[in-house]
């Protein structure tokens, strides 16, 4: 199971990123545990300065703007 954290204040892009990851995981048949992280101190501690950010299995893989579906598939299947 992939451990995923979506980092952000709850803005529209952060919510859409969360939904996109859920949708792609369901479509690809990948089990995920998704957590929202909204505390800015925690987000900054991970080195993310621009949200939404995405952390997969403890590694920051995205920061700033909406990720594309192809990116999400790569994160989930690699």
C-alpha atoms as a PDB file:
ATOM      1  CA  UNK A   1       0.000   0.000   0.000  1.00  0.00           C
ATOM      2  CA  UNK A   2       1.310   3.414  -0.984  1.00  0.00           C
ATOM      3  CA  UNK A   3       1.397   6.031   1.778  1.00  0.00           C
ATOM      4  CA  UNK A   4       0.477   9.406   0.294  1.00  0.00           C
ATOM      5  CA  UNK A   5       0.293  12.833   1.877  1.00  0.00           C
ATOM      6  CA  UNK A   6      -1.312  15.781   0.106  1.00  0.00           C
ATOM      7  CA  UNK A   7       0.154  18.990   1.500  1.00  0.00           C
ATOM      8  CA  UNK A   8      -1.813  22.216   1.403  1.00  0.00           C
ATOM      9  CA  UNK A   9      -4.100  24.623   3.166  1.00  0.00           C
ATOM     10  CA  UNK A  10      -7.281  23.135   1.739  1.00  0.00           C
ATOM     11  CA  UNK A  11      -7.402  25.329  -1.366  1.00  0.00           C
ATOM     12  CA  UNK A  12      -9.240  24.193  -4.497  1.00  0.00           C
ATOM     13  CA  UNK A  13      -6.033  22.876  -6.110  1.00  0.00           C
ATOM     14  CA  UNK A  14      -5.175  20.913  -2.968  1.00  0.00           C
ATOM     15  CA  UNK A  15      -8.643  19.348  -2.899  1.00  0.00           C
ATOM     16  CA  UNK A  16      -8.481  18.529  -6.616  1.00  0.00           C
ATOM     17  CA  UNK A  17      -5.046  16.933  -6.168  1.00  0.00           C
ATOM     18  CA  UNK A  18      -6.437  14.705  -3.403  1.00  0.00           C
ATOM     19  CA  UNK A  19      -9.396  13.715  -5.595  1.00  0.00           C
ATOM     20  CA  UNK A  20      -7.177  13.074  -8.620  1.00  0.00           C
ATOM     21  CA  UNK A  21      -4.931  10.722  -6.645  1.00  0.00           C
ATOM     22  CA  UNK A  22      -7.998   8.844  -5.329  1.00  0.00           C
ATOM     23  CA  UNK A  23      -9.454   8.531  -8.838  1.00  0.00           C
ATOM     24  CA  UNK A  24      -6.221   7.339 -10.446  1.00  0.00           C
ATOM     25  CA  UNK A  25      -5.525   4.858  -7.625  1.00  0.00           C
ATOM     26  CA  UNK A  26      -9.020   3.384  -7.992  1.00  0.00           C
ATOM     27  CA  UNK A  27      -8.710   3.172 -11.787  1.00  0.00           C
ATOM     28  CA  UNK A  28      -5.230   1.586 -11.607  1.00  0.00           C
ATOM     29  CA  UNK A  29      -6.197  -0.777  -8.780  1.00  0.00           C
ATOM     30  CA  UNK A  30      -3.505   0.551  -6.440  1.00  0.00           C
ATOM     31  CA  UNK A  31      -4.148   0.480  -2.699  1.00  0.00           C
ATOM     32  CA  UNK A  32      -3.366   3.858  -1.139  1.00  0.00           C
ATOM     33  CA  UNK A  33      -3.562   5.470   2.264  1.00  0.00           C
ATOM     34  CA  UNK A  34      -4.049   9.200   1.634  1.00  0.00           C
ATOM     35  CA  UNK A  35      -3.605  11.790   4.350  1.00  0.00           C
ATOM     36  CA  UNK A  36      -4.222  15.538   4.125  1.00  0.00           C
ATOM     37  CA  UNK A  37      -1.580  17.684   5.809  1.00  0.00           C
ATOM     38  CA  UNK A  38      -2.789  21.243   6.344  1.00  0.00           C
ATOM     39  CA  UNK A  39      -0.463  22.481   9.091  1.00  0.00           C
ATOM     40  CA  UNK A  40       1.930  24.946   7.465  1.00  0.00           C
ATOM     41  CA  UNK A  41       4.727  24.194   9.945  1.00  0.00           C
ATOM     42  CA  UNK A  42       4.561  20.505   8.968  1.00  0.00           C
ATOM     43  CA  UNK A  43       4.468  21.379   5.261  1.00  0.00           C
ATOM     44  CA  UNK A  44       7.470  23.701   5.533  1.00  0.00           C
ATOM     45  CA  UNK A  45       9.347  21.089   7.582  1.00  0.00           C
ATOM     46  CA  UNK A  46       9.074  18.763   4.566  1.00  0.00           C
ATOM     47  CA  UNK A  47      10.743  21.415   2.409  1.00  0.00           C
ATOM     48  CA  UNK A  48       7.622  22.291   0.426  1.00  0.00           C
ATOM     49  CA  UNK A  49       7.283  26.003  -0.266  1.00  0.00           C
ATOM     50  CA  UNK A  50       4.486  25.865  -2.835  1.00  0.00           C
ATOM     51  CA  UNK A  51       1.260  23.906  -2.515  1.00  0.00           C
ATOM     52  CA  UNK A  52      -0.236  21.567  -3.310  1.00  0.00           C
ATOM     53  CA  UNK A  53       2.574  19.236  -2.459  1.00  0.00           C
ATOM     54  CA  UNK A  54       2.542  15.461  -2.674  1.00  0.00           C
ATOM     55  CA  UNK A  55       4.624  13.014  -0.642  1.00  0.00           C
ATOM     56  CA  UNK A  56       4.684   9.342  -1.663  1.00  0.00           C
ATOM     57  CA  UNK A  57       6.181   6.849   0.772  1.00  0.00           C
ATOM     58  CA  UNK A  58       8.064   9.635   2.568  1.00  0.00           C
ATOM     59  CA  UNK A  59       9.502  11.308  -0.549  1.00  0.00           C
ATOM     60  CA  UNK A  60       8.328  14.695  -1.873  1.00  0.00           C
ATOM     61  CA  UNK A  61       7.391  14.068  -5.509  1.00  0.00           C
ATOM     62  CA  UNK A  62       5.483  17.258  -6.345  1.00  0.00           C
ATOM     63  CA  UNK A  63       5.225  20.870  -5.274  1.00  0.00           C
ATOM     64  CA  UNK A  64       3.068  23.664  -6.682  1.00  0.00           C
ATOM     65  CA  UNK A  65       0.181  23.434  -9.124  1.00  0.00           C
ATOM     66  CA  UNK A  66      -1.985  20.524 -10.154  1.00  0.00           C
ATOM     67  CA  UNK A  67      -0.158  17.344 -11.104  1.00  0.00           C
ATOM     68  CA  UNK A  68      -1.102  15.627 -14.346  1.00  0.00           C
ATOM     69  CA  UNK A  69      -2.752  12.217 -14.501  1.00  0.00           C
ATOM     70  CA  UNK A  70       0.368  10.685 -16.070  1.00  0.00           C
ATOM     71  CA  UNK A  71       2.459  11.949 -13.142  1.00  0.00           C
ATOM     72  CA  UNK A  72       0.071  10.415 -10.647  1.00  0.00           C
ATOM     73  CA  UNK A  73       0.114   7.073 -12.472  1.00  0.00           C
ATOM     74  CA  UNK A  74       3.932   7.092 -12.339  1.00  0.00           C
ATOM     75  CA  UNK A  75       3.922   7.798  -8.590  1.00  0.00           C
ATOM     76  CA  UNK A  76       1.467   5.010  -7.904  1.00  0.00           C
ATOM     77  CA  UNK A  77       2.964   2.349 -10.141  1.00  0.00           C
ATOM     78  CA  UNK A  78       6.675   2.853  -9.570  1.00  0.00           C
END
